C-alpha cells in the first residue's frame, strides 16, 4: 500500500510540474519557448488544461495526506513542539595568560 501511495505521489508531482510549465501564461510562458507544442497538445482552450491541473493537484494532495495517515510515525509529535530536555552547550574557557 505504501509503495502504491509513494508511486502515485511522485508521478503526480512530476505531472503537476510538467503541466504547469507547459501552460501559457500572460507572458507566454515556457509553452511558447518550446515551439507552442503545449497549446497544440492540450487544445486551443485553456479551460481543459486548468481542469487537468486541478485534478492532478487533488491526486497529489490526497496522496500526500494518505501517506501521512498511513505512516507509523504520524502521531509521534509535531514539528512545532519544542524539546526542552536538551542541555545547553557550555561556553569555551578563556585562555589563561
N, C-alpha and C. Protein backbone atom coordinates (compact mmCIF):
# COMPACT_ATOMS: atom_id res chain seq x y z
N UNK A 1 0.83 -1.19 0.00
CA UNK A 1 0.00 0.00 0.00
C UNK A 1 0.87 1.26 0.00
N UNK A 2 1.94 1.23 0.84
CA UNK A 2 2.83 2.38 0.92
C UNK A 2 3.51 2.62 -0.44
N UNK A 3 3.94 1.53 -1.09
CA UNK A 3 4.62 1.67 -2.38
C UNK A 3 3.69 2.31 -3.41
N UNK A 4 2.44 1.90 -3.43
CA UNK A 4 1.47 2.47 -4.37
C UNK A 4 1.25 3.95 -4.09
N UNK A 5 1.14 4.32 -2.82
CA UNK A 5 0.94 5.72 -2.47
C UNK A 5 2.16 6.57 -2.83
N UNK A 6 3.37 6.04 -2.55
CA UNK A 6 4.57 6.79 -2.92
C UNK A 6 4.68 6.94 -4.43
N UNK A 7 4.37 5.90 -5.17
CA UNK A 7 4.41 5.98 -6.63
C UNK A 7 3.41 7.01 -7.14
N UNK A 8 2.21 6.98 -6.64
CA UNK A 8 1.18 7.95 -7.02
C UNK A 8 1.60 9.37 -6.68
N UNK A 9 2.21 9.52 -5.52
CA UNK A 9 2.67 10.84 -5.06
C UNK A 9 3.74 11.41 -5.99
N UNK A 10 4.77 10.62 -6.31
CA UNK A 10 5.85 11.12 -7.15
C UNK A 10 5.42 11.32 -8.60
N UNK A 11 4.60 10.44 -9.12
CA UNK A 11 4.13 10.60 -10.51
C UNK A 11 3.25 11.84 -10.62
N UNK A 12 2.37 12.05 -9.65
CA UNK A 12 1.51 13.23 -9.70
C UNK A 12 2.33 14.51 -9.53
N UNK A 13 3.40 14.46 -8.72
CA UNK A 13 4.26 15.64 -8.57
C UNK A 13 4.94 15.98 -9.90
N UNK A 14 5.47 14.96 -10.58
CA UNK A 14 6.12 15.21 -11.87
C UNK A 14 5.13 15.71 -12.92
N UNK A 15 3.95 15.10 -12.96
CA UNK A 15 2.93 15.55 -13.92
C UNK A 15 2.48 16.98 -13.63
N UNK A 16 2.36 17.30 -12.35
CA UNK A 16 1.95 18.66 -11.98
C UNK A 16 2.99 19.68 -12.43
N UNK A 17 4.25 19.36 -12.25
CA UNK A 17 5.32 20.26 -12.70
C UNK A 17 5.27 20.43 -14.21
N UNK A 18 5.13 19.33 -14.94
CA UNK A 18 5.11 19.41 -16.40
C UNK A 18 3.91 20.18 -16.92
N UNK A 19 2.74 19.92 -16.36
CA UNK A 19 1.53 20.59 -16.85
C UNK A 19 1.59 22.08 -16.55
N UNK A 20 2.13 22.46 -15.41
CA UNK A 20 2.22 23.88 -15.08
C UNK A 20 3.23 24.57 -15.99
N UNK A 21 4.34 23.91 -16.29
CA UNK A 21 5.33 24.53 -17.17
C UNK A 21 4.84 24.67 -18.60
N UNK A 22 3.99 23.78 -19.05
CA UNK A 22 3.51 23.83 -20.43
C UNK A 22 2.42 24.88 -20.61
N UNK A 23 1.72 25.22 -19.55
CA UNK A 23 0.62 26.19 -19.66
C UNK A 23 1.16 27.54 -20.12
N UNK A 24 0.36 28.19 -20.93
CA UNK A 24 0.72 29.51 -21.42
C UNK A 24 0.13 30.55 -20.49
N UNK A 25 0.99 31.33 -19.90
CA UNK A 25 0.55 32.38 -19.00
C UNK A 25 0.34 33.68 -19.76
N UNK A 26 0.24 34.76 -19.01
CA UNK A 26 0.05 36.07 -19.63
C UNK A 26 1.28 36.51 -20.41
N UNK A 27 2.45 36.04 -19.97
CA UNK A 27 3.69 36.44 -20.63
C UNK A 27 4.18 35.45 -21.67
N UNK A 28 3.41 34.44 -22.00
CA UNK A 28 3.83 33.47 -22.99
C UNK A 28 4.29 32.17 -22.35
N UNK A 29 5.03 32.25 -21.28
CA UNK A 29 5.43 31.06 -20.53
C UNK A 29 6.40 30.16 -21.27
N UNK A 30 6.65 29.02 -20.70
CA UNK A 30 7.57 28.05 -21.28
C UNK A 30 6.93 27.34 -22.47
N UNK A 31 5.61 27.35 -22.55
CA UNK A 31 4.92 26.72 -23.68
C UNK A 31 5.30 27.36 -25.00
N UNK A 32 5.48 28.67 -25.01
CA UNK A 32 5.91 29.37 -26.22
C UNK A 32 7.36 29.11 -26.55
N UNK A 33 8.17 28.92 -25.53
CA UNK A 33 9.60 28.67 -25.75
C UNK A 33 9.83 27.29 -26.36
N UNK A 34 8.91 26.38 -26.16
CA UNK A 34 9.04 25.04 -26.71
C UNK A 34 8.37 24.90 -28.07
N UNK A 35 8.09 25.99 -28.71
CA UNK A 35 7.52 25.95 -30.04
C UNK A 35 6.01 25.84 -30.06
N UNK A 36 5.36 26.12 -28.95
CA UNK A 36 3.91 26.07 -28.88
C UNK A 36 3.34 24.67 -28.86
N UNK A 37 4.15 23.68 -28.55
CA UNK A 37 3.69 22.29 -28.53
C UNK A 37 2.64 22.07 -27.46
N UNK A 38 2.71 22.83 -26.38
CA UNK A 38 1.74 22.66 -25.30
C UNK A 38 0.34 23.06 -25.72
N UNK A 39 0.23 24.14 -26.50
CA UNK A 39 -1.10 24.58 -26.91
C UNK A 39 -1.70 23.61 -27.93
N UNK A 40 -0.86 22.99 -28.76
CA UNK A 40 -1.38 22.01 -29.72
C UNK A 40 -1.77 20.72 -29.02
N UNK A 41 -1.02 20.34 -28.02
CA UNK A 41 -1.29 19.09 -27.32
C UNK A 41 -2.57 19.17 -26.52
N UNK A 42 -2.76 20.26 -25.80
CA UNK A 42 -3.90 20.38 -24.91
C UNK A 42 -5.09 21.10 -25.53
N UNK A 43 -5.00 21.48 -26.80
CA UNK A 43 -6.11 22.14 -27.47
C UNK A 43 -6.01 23.64 -27.36
N UNK A 44 -6.95 24.33 -28.01
CA UNK A 44 -6.90 25.79 -28.06
C UNK A 44 -7.38 26.39 -26.75
N UNK A 45 -8.40 25.81 -26.16
CA UNK A 45 -8.94 26.35 -24.91
C UNK A 45 -8.03 26.03 -23.74
N UNK A 46 -7.90 26.99 -22.83
CA UNK A 46 -7.09 26.76 -21.65
C UNK A 46 -7.91 26.16 -20.52
N UNK A 47 -9.23 26.11 -20.65
CA UNK A 47 -10.09 25.58 -19.60
C UNK A 47 -9.81 24.13 -19.29
N UNK A 48 -9.55 23.33 -20.32
CA UNK A 48 -9.25 21.93 -20.12
C UNK A 48 -7.94 21.70 -19.38
N UNK A 49 -6.95 22.54 -19.69
CA UNK A 49 -5.66 22.43 -19.02
C UNK A 49 -5.81 22.80 -17.55
N UNK A 50 -6.62 23.79 -17.26
CA UNK A 50 -6.84 24.18 -15.87
C UNK A 50 -7.53 23.06 -15.10
N UNK A 51 -8.46 22.37 -15.73
CA UNK A 51 -9.13 21.25 -15.06
C UNK A 51 -8.18 20.09 -14.82
N UNK A 52 -7.33 19.80 -15.81
CA UNK A 52 -6.35 18.73 -15.67
C UNK A 52 -5.38 19.07 -14.53
N UNK A 53 -4.95 20.33 -14.48
CA UNK A 53 -4.03 20.77 -13.42
C UNK A 53 -4.68 20.59 -12.06
N UNK A 54 -5.94 20.95 -11.93
CA UNK A 54 -6.63 20.84 -10.65
C UNK A 54 -6.81 19.38 -10.25
N UNK A 55 -7.12 18.51 -11.20
CA UNK A 55 -7.28 17.08 -10.89
C UNK A 55 -5.94 16.48 -10.44
N UNK A 56 -4.86 16.84 -11.13
CA UNK A 56 -3.55 16.34 -10.73
C UNK A 56 -3.17 16.86 -9.35
N UNK A 57 -3.52 18.13 -9.07
CA UNK A 57 -3.26 18.68 -7.74
C UNK A 57 -4.04 17.92 -6.67
N UNK A 58 -5.28 17.59 -6.94
CA UNK A 58 -6.07 16.82 -5.97
C UNK A 58 -5.45 15.45 -5.71
N UNK A 59 -5.00 14.78 -6.76
CA UNK A 59 -4.35 13.48 -6.58
C UNK A 59 -3.09 13.64 -5.75
N UNK A 60 -2.31 14.69 -6.03
CA UNK A 60 -1.08 14.96 -5.28
C UNK A 60 -1.38 15.22 -3.81
N UNK A 61 -2.33 16.08 -3.52
CA UNK A 61 -2.65 16.43 -2.14
C UNK A 61 -3.23 15.24 -1.38
N UNK A 62 -4.14 14.50 -2.00
CA UNK A 62 -4.74 13.35 -1.33
C UNK A 62 -3.73 12.23 -1.10
N UNK A 63 -2.80 12.04 -2.03
CA UNK A 63 -1.78 11.01 -1.82
C UNK A 63 -0.82 11.43 -0.72
N UNK A 64 -0.51 12.73 -0.62
CA UNK A 64 0.36 13.20 0.47
C UNK A 64 -0.32 13.00 1.82
N UNK A 65 -1.60 13.33 1.91
CA UNK A 65 -2.32 13.14 3.17
C UNK A 65 -2.46 11.66 3.51
N UNK A 66 -2.69 10.84 2.51
CA UNK A 66 -2.81 9.40 2.75
C UNK A 66 -1.49 8.81 3.23
N UNK A 67 -0.38 9.29 2.67
CA UNK A 67 0.93 8.82 3.14
C UNK A 67 1.15 9.20 4.59
N UNK A 68 0.71 10.37 4.98
CA UNK A 68 0.85 10.78 6.37
C UNK A 68 -0.03 9.93 7.29
N UNK A 69 -1.25 9.71 6.89
CA UNK A 69 -2.20 8.98 7.73
C UNK A 69 -1.81 7.51 7.89
N UNK A 70 -1.19 6.93 6.87
CA UNK A 70 -0.83 5.51 6.94
C UNK A 70 0.57 5.29 7.52
N UNK A 71 1.28 6.34 7.81
CA UNK A 71 2.62 6.23 8.37
C UNK A 71 2.55 5.79 9.83
N UNK A 72 3.55 5.01 10.26
CA UNK A 72 3.59 4.56 11.65
C UNK A 72 3.89 5.72 12.59
N UNK A 73 4.62 6.71 12.12
CA UNK A 73 5.03 7.83 12.96
C UNK A 73 4.11 9.04 12.82
N UNK A 74 2.90 8.86 12.31
CA UNK A 74 2.04 10.01 12.06
C UNK A 74 1.57 10.68 13.33
N UNK A 75 1.53 9.96 14.46
CA UNK A 75 1.07 10.56 15.71
C UNK A 75 2.20 10.71 16.72
N UNK A 76 3.43 10.75 16.24
CA UNK A 76 4.56 10.79 17.16
C UNK A 76 4.85 12.18 17.69
N UNK A 77 4.27 13.21 17.12
CA UNK A 77 4.52 14.56 17.61
C UNK A 77 4.37 15.58 16.50
N UNK A 78 4.74 16.77 16.83
CA UNK A 78 4.61 17.86 15.89
C UNK A 78 5.95 18.57 15.72
N UNK A 79 6.15 19.16 14.59
CA UNK A 79 7.37 19.94 14.36
C UNK A 79 7.34 21.23 15.17
N UNK A 80 6.16 21.62 15.64
CA UNK A 80 6.02 22.84 16.42
C UNK A 80 6.27 22.64 17.90
N UNK A 81 6.38 21.39 18.34
CA UNK A 81 6.67 21.13 19.74
C UNK A 81 8.16 21.30 19.98
N UNK A 82 8.47 21.97 21.07
CA UNK A 82 9.87 22.22 21.40
C UNK A 82 10.34 21.23 22.45
N UNK A 83 11.53 20.76 22.29
CA UNK A 83 12.11 19.80 23.21
C UNK A 83 12.96 20.57 24.22
N UNK A 84 12.49 20.68 25.45
CA UNK A 84 13.20 21.44 26.48
C UNK A 84 14.18 20.59 27.27
N UNK A 85 14.38 19.34 26.90
CA UNK A 85 15.28 18.47 27.65
C UNK A 85 16.71 18.59 27.16
N UNK A 86 16.98 19.37 26.12
CA UNK A 86 18.33 19.50 25.60
C UNK A 86 19.19 20.28 26.58
N UNK A 87 20.41 19.84 26.73
CA UNK A 87 21.35 20.50 27.63
C UNK A 87 22.03 21.65 26.89
N UNK A 88 22.26 22.77 27.57
CA UNK A 88 22.95 23.88 26.90
C UNK A 88 24.40 23.54 26.64
N UNK A 89 24.93 24.11 25.59
CA UNK A 89 26.32 23.91 25.23
C UNK A 89 27.17 24.81 26.12
N UNK A 90 28.17 24.24 26.79
CA UNK A 90 28.99 25.09 27.67
C UNK A 90 29.85 26.06 26.86
N UNK A 91 30.07 27.23 27.43
CA UNK A 91 30.89 28.25 26.77
C UNK A 91 32.35 27.81 26.82
N UNK A 92 33.10 28.14 25.79
CA UNK A 92 34.53 27.77 25.80
C UNK A 92 35.27 28.55 26.89
N UNK A 93 36.26 27.89 27.46
CA UNK A 93 37.05 28.56 28.50
C UNK A 93 37.98 29.59 27.89
N UNK A 94 38.15 30.69 28.62
CA UNK A 94 39.05 31.73 28.16
C UNK A 94 40.50 31.27 28.33
N UNK A 95 41.38 31.60 27.41
CA UNK A 95 42.78 31.19 27.55
C UNK A 95 43.43 31.90 28.74
N UNK A 96 44.27 31.18 29.48
CA UNK A 96 44.95 31.75 30.64
C UNK A 96 46.25 32.41 30.20
N UNK A 97 46.55 33.55 30.84
CA UNK A 97 47.77 34.29 30.48
C UNK A 97 48.78 34.28 31.57
